[in-house]
Amino acid sequence: MNVIDPGVCRDTLARLLAEEIDLLTRMESQLQLEHRMLVDNDVDGLEAAGKVRQDCVGKLLRLEDERRSLCRALGWPTDLAGIEKVILWCDPQRSLLPALQECVARATRCREQNDHNGVLVGARLKRVAGMLGMLNANGREAQLYGPSGTGLSSTTQMVGRRIAARA
């Protein structure tokens, strides 16, 4: 038997979903801003943006904890299926389902934008590592290139030979 009043549960869940929609909207905008900063190489802006993003993530995690606690108090799973069960129990008109669907859609867009930003960061890091590798072999053999422009493996590098370069 549930000791939580369905009306109180519905109001609590409505508040949590509204706050989550607000935070996910901010997060989506923040991730788009960070993408522009990445493209523009705005290092200072990215540092400040990272702090804003971390604050938003912290608030989202607190909301998630509160929502999970509500599900646990009712004896249901803490995942999406559990939230849907809570809605079915406390909101017979299903008026909270659109808010839940919006949360899911916004969270998906945030994850996709974050992944997109991560790919860009990874490509930049790989490029920088490659440039640093050319500048500082640091114990590694320098990469040599053959006449076709392809790299030569360490076993086929022509050690001690002079290669003429033509423009």
N, C-alpha and C. Protein backbone atom coordinates (compact mmCIF):
# COMPACT_ATOMS: atom_id res chain seq x y z
N MET A 1 0.83 -1.18 0.00
CA MET A 1 0.00 0.00 0.00
C MET A 1 0.87 1.24 0.00
N ASN A 2 0.58 2.17 -0.89
CA ASN A 2 1.33 3.41 -1.00
C ASN A 2 0.91 4.39 0.10
N VAL A 3 1.92 4.95 0.76
CA VAL A 3 1.64 5.92 1.83
C VAL A 3 1.69 7.35 1.31
N ILE A 4 2.03 7.51 0.05
CA ILE A 4 2.10 8.83 -0.56
C ILE A 4 0.76 9.13 -1.21
N ASP A 5 0.24 10.30 -0.96
CA ASP A 5 -1.01 10.74 -1.57
C ASP A 5 -0.78 10.95 -3.07
N PRO A 6 -1.65 10.40 -3.94
CA PRO A 6 -1.48 10.55 -5.38
C PRO A 6 -1.43 12.02 -5.82
N GLY A 7 -2.22 12.89 -5.20
CA GLY A 7 -2.20 14.31 -5.57
C GLY A 7 -0.88 14.97 -5.25
N VAL A 8 -0.34 14.65 -4.08
CA VAL A 8 0.97 15.19 -3.68
C VAL A 8 2.06 14.64 -4.62
N CYS A 9 1.96 13.37 -4.93
CA CYS A 9 2.92 12.74 -5.85
C CYS A 9 2.87 13.41 -7.22
N ARG A 10 1.67 13.64 -7.72
CA ARG A 10 1.50 14.28 -9.03
C ARG A 10 2.10 15.68 -9.02
N ASP A 11 1.83 16.45 -7.97
CA ASP A 11 2.38 17.81 -7.88
C ASP A 11 3.91 17.80 -7.81
N THR A 12 4.43 16.86 -7.04
CA THR A 12 5.89 16.74 -6.92
C THR A 12 6.51 16.37 -8.27
N LEU A 13 5.92 15.40 -8.94
CA LEU A 13 6.44 14.98 -10.24
C LEU A 13 6.30 16.09 -11.28
N ALA A 14 5.20 16.83 -11.25
CA ALA A 14 5.02 17.96 -12.17
C ALA A 14 6.12 19.00 -11.96
N ARG A 15 6.44 19.28 -10.70
CA ARG A 15 7.51 20.25 -10.40
C ARG A 15 8.86 19.74 -10.89
N LEU A 16 9.15 18.47 -10.62
CA LEU A 16 10.42 17.89 -11.04
C LEU A 16 10.57 17.92 -12.56
N LEU A 17 9.50 17.55 -13.28
CA LEU A 17 9.56 17.55 -14.74
C LEU A 17 9.73 18.97 -15.30
N ALA A 18 9.03 19.93 -14.70
CA ALA A 18 9.15 21.32 -15.17
C ALA A 18 10.57 21.84 -14.94
N GLU A 19 11.14 21.54 -13.78
CA GLU A 19 12.51 21.97 -13.50
C GLU A 19 13.50 21.27 -14.44
N GLU A 20 13.25 20.00 -14.71
CA GLU A 20 14.15 19.26 -15.60
C GLU A 20 14.08 19.80 -17.02
N ILE A 21 12.89 20.13 -17.49
CA ILE A 21 12.75 20.71 -18.83
C ILE A 21 13.53 22.03 -18.90
N ASP A 22 13.40 22.84 -17.86
CA ASP A 22 14.12 24.12 -17.83
C ASP A 22 15.63 23.90 -17.87
N LEU A 23 16.13 22.99 -17.05
CA LEU A 23 17.57 22.73 -17.01
C LEU A 23 18.08 22.10 -18.30
N LEU A 24 17.31 21.19 -18.87
CA LEU A 24 17.73 20.57 -20.14
C LEU A 24 17.72 21.57 -21.28
N THR A 25 16.79 22.52 -21.24
CA THR A 25 16.76 23.59 -22.24
C THR A 25 18.03 24.43 -22.12
N ARG A 26 18.39 24.77 -20.89
CA ARG A 26 19.62 25.54 -20.67
C ARG A 26 20.85 24.74 -21.08
N MET A 27 20.83 23.45 -20.77
CA MET A 27 21.97 22.60 -21.12
C MET A 27 22.14 22.50 -22.63
N GLU A 28 21.03 22.35 -23.33
CA GLU A 28 21.09 22.27 -24.79
C GLU A 28 21.68 23.56 -25.37
N SER A 29 21.24 24.70 -24.89
CA SER A 29 21.79 25.98 -25.35
C SER A 29 23.26 26.09 -25.00
N GLN A 30 23.62 25.65 -23.81
CA GLN A 30 25.01 25.71 -23.37
C GLN A 30 25.90 24.84 -24.26
N LEU A 31 25.44 23.66 -24.60
CA LEU A 31 26.23 22.77 -25.46
C LEU A 31 26.37 23.34 -26.86
N GLN A 32 25.35 24.00 -27.37
CA GLN A 32 25.45 24.66 -28.67
C GLN A 32 26.44 25.82 -28.62
N LEU A 33 26.39 26.58 -27.53
CA LEU A 33 27.36 27.67 -27.34
C LEU A 33 28.77 27.12 -27.28
N GLU A 34 28.97 26.05 -26.54
CA GLU A 34 30.29 25.43 -26.44
C GLU A 34 30.77 24.95 -27.80
N HIS A 35 29.86 24.46 -28.63
CA HIS A 35 30.26 24.03 -29.98
C HIS A 35 30.80 25.22 -30.77
N ARG A 36 30.09 26.35 -30.70
CA ARG A 36 30.57 27.55 -31.40
C ARG A 36 31.94 27.98 -30.86
N MET A 37 32.11 27.89 -29.56
CA MET A 37 33.40 28.25 -28.96
C MET A 37 34.51 27.30 -29.40
N LEU A 38 34.18 26.02 -29.52
CA LEU A 38 35.17 25.06 -30.01
C LEU A 38 35.58 25.39 -31.44
N VAL A 39 34.60 25.68 -32.26
CA VAL A 39 34.89 26.02 -33.66
C VAL A 39 35.74 27.28 -33.75
N ASP A 40 35.42 28.26 -32.87
CA ASP A 40 36.13 29.55 -32.88
C ASP A 40 37.42 29.53 -32.06
N ASN A 41 37.76 28.40 -31.46
CA ASN A 41 38.96 28.28 -30.61
C ASN A 41 38.95 29.28 -29.46
N ASP A 42 37.81 29.49 -28.86
CA ASP A 42 37.65 30.43 -27.75
C ASP A 42 37.94 29.71 -26.44
N VAL A 43 39.22 29.61 -26.10
CA VAL A 43 39.66 28.85 -24.94
C VAL A 43 39.13 29.47 -23.64
N ASP A 44 39.22 30.79 -23.52
CA ASP A 44 38.74 31.46 -22.31
C ASP A 44 37.23 31.25 -22.14
N GLY A 45 36.50 31.40 -23.23
CA GLY A 45 35.05 31.19 -23.19
C GLY A 45 34.70 29.76 -22.81
N LEU A 46 35.47 28.80 -23.31
CA LEU A 46 35.22 27.39 -22.99
C LEU A 46 35.44 27.10 -21.51
N GLU A 47 36.43 27.75 -20.92
CA GLU A 47 36.68 27.54 -19.50
C GLU A 47 35.48 28.00 -18.67
N ALA A 48 34.98 29.19 -18.99
CA ALA A 48 33.81 29.72 -18.27
C ALA A 48 32.57 28.87 -18.57
N ALA A 49 32.43 28.45 -19.81
CA ALA A 49 31.26 27.64 -20.20
C ALA A 49 31.28 26.30 -19.49
N GLY A 50 32.46 25.75 -19.28
CA GLY A 50 32.56 24.47 -18.58
C GLY A 50 32.03 24.56 -17.16
N LYS A 51 32.28 25.69 -16.52
CA LYS A 51 31.77 25.88 -15.15
C LYS A 51 30.24 25.97 -15.15
N VAL A 52 29.68 26.68 -16.13
CA VAL A 52 28.22 26.80 -16.23
C VAL A 52 27.61 25.43 -16.49
N ARG A 53 28.24 24.66 -17.39
CA ARG A 53 27.73 23.32 -17.72
C ARG A 53 27.77 22.41 -16.49
N GLN A 54 28.87 22.46 -15.73
CA GLN A 54 28.99 21.62 -14.54
C GLN A 54 27.92 21.98 -13.51
N ASP A 55 27.61 23.25 -13.37
CA ASP A 55 26.56 23.68 -12.44
C ASP A 55 25.21 23.09 -12.88
N CYS A 56 24.94 23.15 -14.16
CA CYS A 56 23.69 22.62 -14.70
C CYS A 56 23.62 21.10 -14.50
N VAL A 57 24.71 20.42 -14.75
CA VAL A 57 24.75 18.96 -14.57
C VAL A 57 24.49 18.61 -13.11
N GLY A 58 25.09 19.36 -12.19
CA GLY A 58 24.87 19.12 -10.77
C GLY A 58 23.40 19.25 -10.39
N LYS A 59 22.75 20.29 -10.92
CA LYS A 59 21.33 20.49 -10.64
C LYS A 59 20.48 19.36 -11.25
N LEU A 60 20.84 18.92 -12.44
CA LEU A 60 20.11 17.81 -13.07
C LEU A 60 20.27 16.53 -12.25
N LEU A 61 21.45 16.29 -11.73
CA LEU A 61 21.67 15.09 -10.92
C LEU A 61 20.86 15.14 -9.62
N ARG A 62 20.73 16.31 -9.02
CA ARG A 62 19.92 16.44 -7.81
C ARG A 62 18.44 16.16 -8.11
N LEU A 63 17.97 16.66 -9.26
CA LEU A 63 16.58 16.38 -9.66
C LEU A 63 16.38 14.88 -9.90
N GLU A 64 17.35 14.27 -10.54
CA GLU A 64 17.25 12.84 -10.81
C GLU A 64 17.20 12.05 -9.50
N ASP A 65 18.01 12.45 -8.55
CA ASP A 65 17.99 11.78 -7.24
C ASP A 65 16.62 11.91 -6.58
N GLU A 66 16.04 13.10 -6.68
CA GLU A 66 14.72 13.34 -6.08
C GLU A 66 13.65 12.47 -6.77
N ARG A 67 13.73 12.40 -8.08
CA ARG A 67 12.76 11.59 -8.84
C ARG A 67 12.93 10.10 -8.52
N ARG A 68 14.16 9.64 -8.42
CA ARG A 68 14.42 8.24 -8.07
C ARG A 68 13.91 7.92 -6.67
N SER A 69 14.09 8.87 -5.76
CA SER A 69 13.58 8.67 -4.39
C SER A 69 12.07 8.51 -4.39
N LEU A 70 11.40 9.29 -5.22
CA LEU A 70 9.95 9.18 -5.33
C LEU A 70 9.55 7.79 -5.84
N CYS A 71 10.24 7.32 -6.87
CA CYS A 71 9.95 5.98 -7.41
C CYS A 71 10.20 4.91 -6.36
N ARG A 72 11.33 5.00 -5.65
CA ARG A 72 11.66 4.01 -4.62
C ARG A 72 10.62 4.01 -3.50
N ALA A 73 10.16 5.21 -3.13
CA ALA A 73 9.16 5.31 -2.06
C ALA A 73 7.87 4.60 -2.45
N LEU A 74 7.61 4.55 -3.76
CA LEU A 74 6.40 3.87 -4.24
C LEU A 74 6.66 2.40 -4.58
N GLY A 75 7.92 1.98 -4.47
CA GLY A 75 8.26 0.59 -4.74
C GLY A 75 8.40 0.25 -6.21
N TRP A 76 8.64 1.26 -7.06
CA TRP A 76 8.78 1.03 -8.49
C TRP A 76 10.21 1.28 -8.94
N PRO A 77 10.55 0.75 -10.10
CA PRO A 77 11.92 0.97 -10.62
C PRO A 77 12.20 2.47 -10.78
N THR A 78 13.48 2.81 -10.76
CA THR A 78 13.88 4.22 -10.84
C THR A 78 14.18 4.67 -12.27
N ASP A 79 13.94 3.81 -13.24
CA ASP A 79 14.21 4.15 -14.63
C ASP A 79 12.97 4.79 -15.29
N LEU A 80 13.02 4.96 -16.59
CA LEU A 80 11.92 5.58 -17.33
C LEU A 80 10.62 4.80 -17.16
N ALA A 81 10.70 3.47 -17.15
CA ALA A 81 9.50 2.65 -16.96
C ALA A 81 8.89 2.91 -15.59
N GLY A 82 9.73 3.11 -14.58
CA GLY A 82 9.23 3.41 -13.25
C GLY A 82 8.53 4.75 -13.19
N ILE A 83 9.09 5.75 -13.86
CA ILE A 83 8.46 7.08 -13.90
C ILE A 83 7.09 6.98 -14.58
N GLU A 84 7.05 6.20 -15.65
CA GLU A 84 5.77 6.03 -16.35
C GLU A 84 4.73 5.37 -15.43
N LYS A 85 5.17 4.41 -14.61
CA LYS A 85 4.25 3.77 -13.66
C LYS A 85 3.75 4.78 -12.63
N VAL A 86 4.65 5.65 -12.17
CA VAL A 86 4.24 6.69 -11.22
C VAL A 86 3.18 7.57 -11.85
N ILE A 87 3.40 7.97 -13.10
CA ILE A 87 2.43 8.83 -13.80
C ILE A 87 1.09 8.10 -13.94
N LEU A 88 1.12 6.84 -14.33
CA LEU A 88 -0.12 6.09 -14.47
C LEU A 88 -0.88 6.01 -13.15
N TRP A 89 -0.14 5.93 -12.04
CA TRP A 89 -0.77 5.82 -10.73
C TRP A 89 -1.31 7.17 -10.22
N CYS A 90 -0.48 8.22 -10.33
CA CYS A 90 -0.86 9.48 -9.68
C CYS A 90 -1.54 10.48 -10.62
N ASP A 91 -1.52 10.20 -11.92
CA ASP A 91 -2.06 11.15 -12.90
C ASP A 91 -2.96 10.40 -13.89
N PRO A 92 -4.19 10.06 -13.46
CA PRO A 92 -5.08 9.27 -14.31
C PRO A 92 -5.38 9.94 -15.66
N GLN A 93 -5.30 11.27 -15.72
CA GLN A 93 -5.55 11.98 -16.99
C GLN A 93 -4.32 11.96 -17.90
N ARG A 94 -3.20 11.47 -17.39
CA ARG A 94 -1.94 11.37 -18.15
C ARG A 94 -1.45 12.75 -18.61
N SER A 95 -1.76 13.79 -17.85
CA SER A 95 -1.37 15.14 -18.23
C SER A 95 0.14 15.38 -18.11
N LEU A 96 0.85 14.51 -17.38
CA LEU A 96 2.30 14.66 -17.21
C LEU A 96 3.10 13.96 -18.31
N LEU A 97 2.43 13.11 -19.08
CA LEU A 97 3.16 12.37 -20.14
C LEU A 97 3.84 13.29 -21.16
N PRO A 98 3.19 14.36 -21.63
CA PRO A 98 3.89 15.25 -22.57
C PRO A 98 5.17 15.86 -21.97
N ALA A 99 5.14 16.21 -20.69
CA ALA A 99 6.33 16.76 -20.04
C ALA A 99 7.43 15.70 -19.97
N LEU A 100 7.06 14.47 -19.65
CA LEU A 100 8.04 13.39 -19.62
C LEU A 100 8.64 13.16 -21.00
N GLN A 101 7.80 13.16 -22.03
CA GLN A 101 8.29 12.97 -23.40
C GLN A 101 9.23 14.12 -23.81
N GLU A 102 8.91 15.34 -23.38
CA GLU A 102 9.78 16.47 -23.69
C GLU A 102 11.13 16.32 -22.99
N CYS A 103 11.11 15.86 -21.75
CA CYS A 103 12.36 15.61 -21.03
C CYS A 103 13.23 14.59 -21.76
N VAL A 104 12.60 13.52 -22.20
CA VAL A 104 13.34 12.47 -22.91
C VAL A 104 13.92 13.03 -24.21
N ALA A 105 13.13 13.78 -24.96
CA ALA A 105 13.60 14.35 -26.23
C ALA A 105 14.74 15.34 -26.00
N ARG A 106 14.61 16.19 -25.00
CA ARG A 106 15.66 17.18 -24.72
C ARG A 106 16.94 16.49 -24.22
N ALA A 107 16.79 15.50 -23.38
CA ALA A 107 17.96 14.77 -22.89
C ALA A 107 18.68 14.07 -24.05
N THR A 108 17.92 13.54 -24.99
CA THR A 108 18.51 12.89 -26.16
C THR A 108 19.28 13.90 -27.00
N ARG A 109 18.68 15.08 -27.22
CA ARG A 109 19.38 16.12 -27.99
C ARG A 109 20.65 16.58 -27.27
N CYS A 110 20.58 16.71 -25.95
CA CYS A 110 21.77 17.10 -25.19
C CYS A 110 22.88 16.05 -25.34
N ARG A 111 22.50 14.78 -25.23
CA ARG A 111 23.50 13.72 -25.38
C ARG A 111 24.12 13.75 -26.77
N GLU A 112 23.30 13.95 -27.80
CA GLU A 112 23.81 14.00 -29.17
C GLU A 112 24.73 15.20 -29.37
N GLN A 113 24.35 16.36 -28.83
CA GLN A 113 25.19 17.56 -28.97
C GLN A 113 26.50 17.38 -28.20
N ASN A 114 26.42 16.77 -27.02
CA ASN A 114 27.63 16.52 -26.24
C ASN A 114 28.55 15.55 -26.98
N ASP A 115 27.98 14.51 -27.58
CA ASP A 115 28.78 13.57 -28.38
C ASP A 115 29.42 14.29 -29.56
N HIS A 116 28.66 15.15 -30.21
CA HIS A 116 29.16 15.92 -31.36
C HIS A 116 30.34 16.80 -30.92
N ASN A 117 30.18 17.47 -29.79
CA ASN A 117 31.27 18.30 -29.26
C ASN A 117 32.47 17.44 -28.91
N GLY A 118 32.22 16.26 -28.34
CA GLY A 118 33.30 15.36 -27.99
C GLY A 118 34.10 14.90 -29.19
N VAL A 119 33.42 14.66 -30.30
CA VAL A 119 34.11 14.26 -31.53
C VAL A 119 35.02 15.40 -32.00
N LEU A 120 34.51 16.62 -31.93
CA LEU A 120 35.31 17.79 -32.34
C LEU A 120 36.52 17.95 -31.43
N VAL A 121 36.33 17.81 -30.13
CA VAL A 121 37.45 17.91 -29.19
C VAL A 121 38.46 16.81 -29.47
N GLY A 122 37.99 15.58 -29.69
CA GLY A 122 38.89 14.47 -29.98
C GLY A 122 39.71 14.70 -31.24
N ALA A 123 39.07 15.24 -32.27
CA ALA A 123 39.79 15.52 -33.52
C ALA A 123 40.85 16.59 -33.29
N ARG A 124 40.49 17.62 -32.52
CA ARG A 124 41.46 18.68 -32.23
C ARG A 124 42.64 18.14 -31.43
N LEU A 125 42.36 17.30 -30.43
CA LEU A 125 43.43 16.73 -29.63
C LEU A 125 44.36 15.85 -30.48
N LYS A 126 43.77 15.10 -31.37
CA LYS A 126 44.57 14.24 -32.25
C LYS A 126 45.47 15.09 -33.16
N ARG A 127 44.91 16.18 -33.66
CA ARG A 127 45.68 17.09 -34.52
C ARG A 127 46.82 17.71 -33.74
N VAL A 128 46.54 18.20 -32.55
CA VAL A 128 47.58 18.82 -31.72
C VAL A 128 48.65 17.78 -31.38
N ALA A 129 48.25 16.58 -31.02
CA ALA A 129 49.21 15.53 -30.70
C ALA A 129 50.10 15.23 -31.90
N GLY A 130 49.50 15.22 -33.08
CA GLY A 130 50.28 14.98 -34.30
C GLY A 130 51.29 16.09 -34.55
N MET A 131 50.86 17.34 -34.34
CA MET A 131 51.79 18.46 -34.54
C MET A 131 52.90 18.43 -33.50
N LEU A 132 52.57 18.12 -32.26
CA LEU A 132 53.59 18.01 -31.22
C LEU A 132 54.55 16.87 -31.52
N GLY A 133 54.03 15.79 -32.06
CA GLY A 133 54.87 14.66 -32.41
C GLY A 133 55.88 15.01 -33.49
N MET A 134 55.48 15.87 -34.42
CA MET A 134 56.41 16.30 -35.47
C MET A 134 57.48 17.22 -34.89
N LEU A 135 57.10 18.02 -33.92
CA LEU A 135 58.06 18.97 -33.34
C LEU A 135 59.01 18.31 -32.36
N ASN A 136 58.54 17.31 -31.68
CA ASN A 136 59.32 16.70 -30.61
C ASN A 136 59.19 15.19 -30.69
N ALA A 137 60.15 14.55 -31.32
CA ALA A 137 60.09 13.10 -31.43
C ALA A 137 60.21 12.46 -30.05
N ASN A 138 60.99 13.08 -29.14
CA ASN A 138 61.07 12.67 -27.74
C ASN A 138 61.21 11.16 -27.57
N GLY A 139 62.25 10.62 -28.14
CA GLY A 139 62.48 9.19 -27.97
C GLY A 139 61.85 8.34 -29.05
N ARG A 140 60.96 8.91 -29.83
CA ARG A 140 60.35 8.15 -30.92
C ARG A 140 61.07 8.50 -32.21
N GLU A 141 61.04 7.61 -33.15
CA GLU A 141 61.61 7.92 -34.45
C GLU A 141 60.71 8.91 -35.16
N ALA A 142 61.33 9.86 -35.83
CA ALA A 142 60.55 10.82 -36.59
C ALA A 142 59.91 10.10 -37.78
N GLN A 143 58.73 10.51 -38.14
CA GLN A 143 58.02 9.90 -39.26
C GLN A 143 58.63 10.40 -40.56
N LEU A 144 59.00 9.47 -41.43
CA LEU A 144 59.50 9.82 -42.75
C LEU A 144 58.43 9.48 -43.78
N TYR A 145 58.47 10.18 -44.89
CA TYR A 145 57.49 9.98 -45.95
C TYR A 145 58.21 9.61 -47.23
N GLY A 146 57.62 8.71 -47.98
CA GLY A 146 58.17 8.28 -49.25
C GLY A 146 57.76 9.21 -50.38
N PRO A 147 58.19 8.91 -51.61
CA PRO A 147 57.90 9.76 -52.76
C PRO A 147 56.40 9.92 -53.03
N SER A 148 55.61 8.95 -52.66
CA SER A 148 54.17 9.03 -52.91
C SER A 148 53.45 9.86 -51.84
N GLY A 149 54.18 10.25 -50.77
CA GLY A 149 53.56 11.03 -49.71
C GLY A 149 53.04 10.19 -48.57
N THR A 150 53.14 8.86 -48.70
CA THR A 150 52.67 7.99 -47.62
C THR A 150 53.80 7.79 -46.62
N GLY A 151 53.42 7.57 -45.38
CA GLY A 151 54.40 7.36 -44.33
C GLY A 151 55.10 6.04 -44.49
N LEU A 152 56.36 6.01 -44.10
CA LEU A 152 57.14 4.78 -44.15
C LEU A 152 57.17 4.20 -42.74
N SER A 153 57.00 2.91 -42.63
CA SER A 153 57.07 2.28 -41.31
C SER A 153 58.51 2.29 -40.84
N SER A 154 58.70 2.08 -39.54
CA SER A 154 60.05 2.14 -38.99
C SER A 154 60.95 1.07 -39.60
N THR A 155 60.40 -0.02 -40.11
CA THR A 155 61.21 -1.08 -40.69
C THR A 155 61.61 -0.76 -42.12
N THR A 156 60.89 0.15 -42.79
CA THR A 156 61.23 0.47 -44.18
C THR A 156 61.80 1.86 -44.33
N GLN A 157 62.02 2.57 -43.22
CA GLN A 157 62.59 3.91 -43.33
C GLN A 157 64.02 3.81 -43.83
N MET A 158 64.36 4.75 -44.65
CA MET A 158 65.68 4.74 -45.26
C MET A 158 66.63 5.53 -44.37
N VAL A 159 67.21 4.87 -43.39
CA VAL A 159 68.07 5.50 -42.41
C VAL A 159 69.37 5.90 -43.10
N GLY A 160 69.77 7.17 -42.88
CA GLY A 160 71.05 7.64 -43.39
C GLY A 160 71.03 8.08 -44.85
N ARG A 161 69.91 8.01 -45.53
CA ARG A 161 69.85 8.44 -46.92
C ARG A 161 69.29 9.83 -47.00
N ARG A 162 69.77 10.58 -47.93
CA ARG A 162 69.26 11.91 -48.17
C ARG A 162 68.17 11.80 -49.22
N ILE A 163 67.05 12.43 -48.93
CA ILE A 163 65.93 12.42 -49.86
C ILE A 163 65.76 13.82 -50.40
N ALA A 164 65.75 13.94 -51.70
CA ALA A 164 65.57 15.25 -52.32
C ALA A 164 64.10 15.60 -52.35
N ALA A 165 63.80 16.84 -52.08
CA ALA A 165 62.41 17.30 -52.12
C ALA A 165 62.23 18.17 -53.34
N ARG A 166 61.18 17.92 -54.08
CA ARG A 166 60.87 18.73 -55.26
C ARG A 166 59.52 19.38 -55.04
N ALA A 167 59.44 20.62 -55.49
CA ALA A 167 58.17 21.34 -55.36
C ALA A 167 57.42 21.28 -56.66
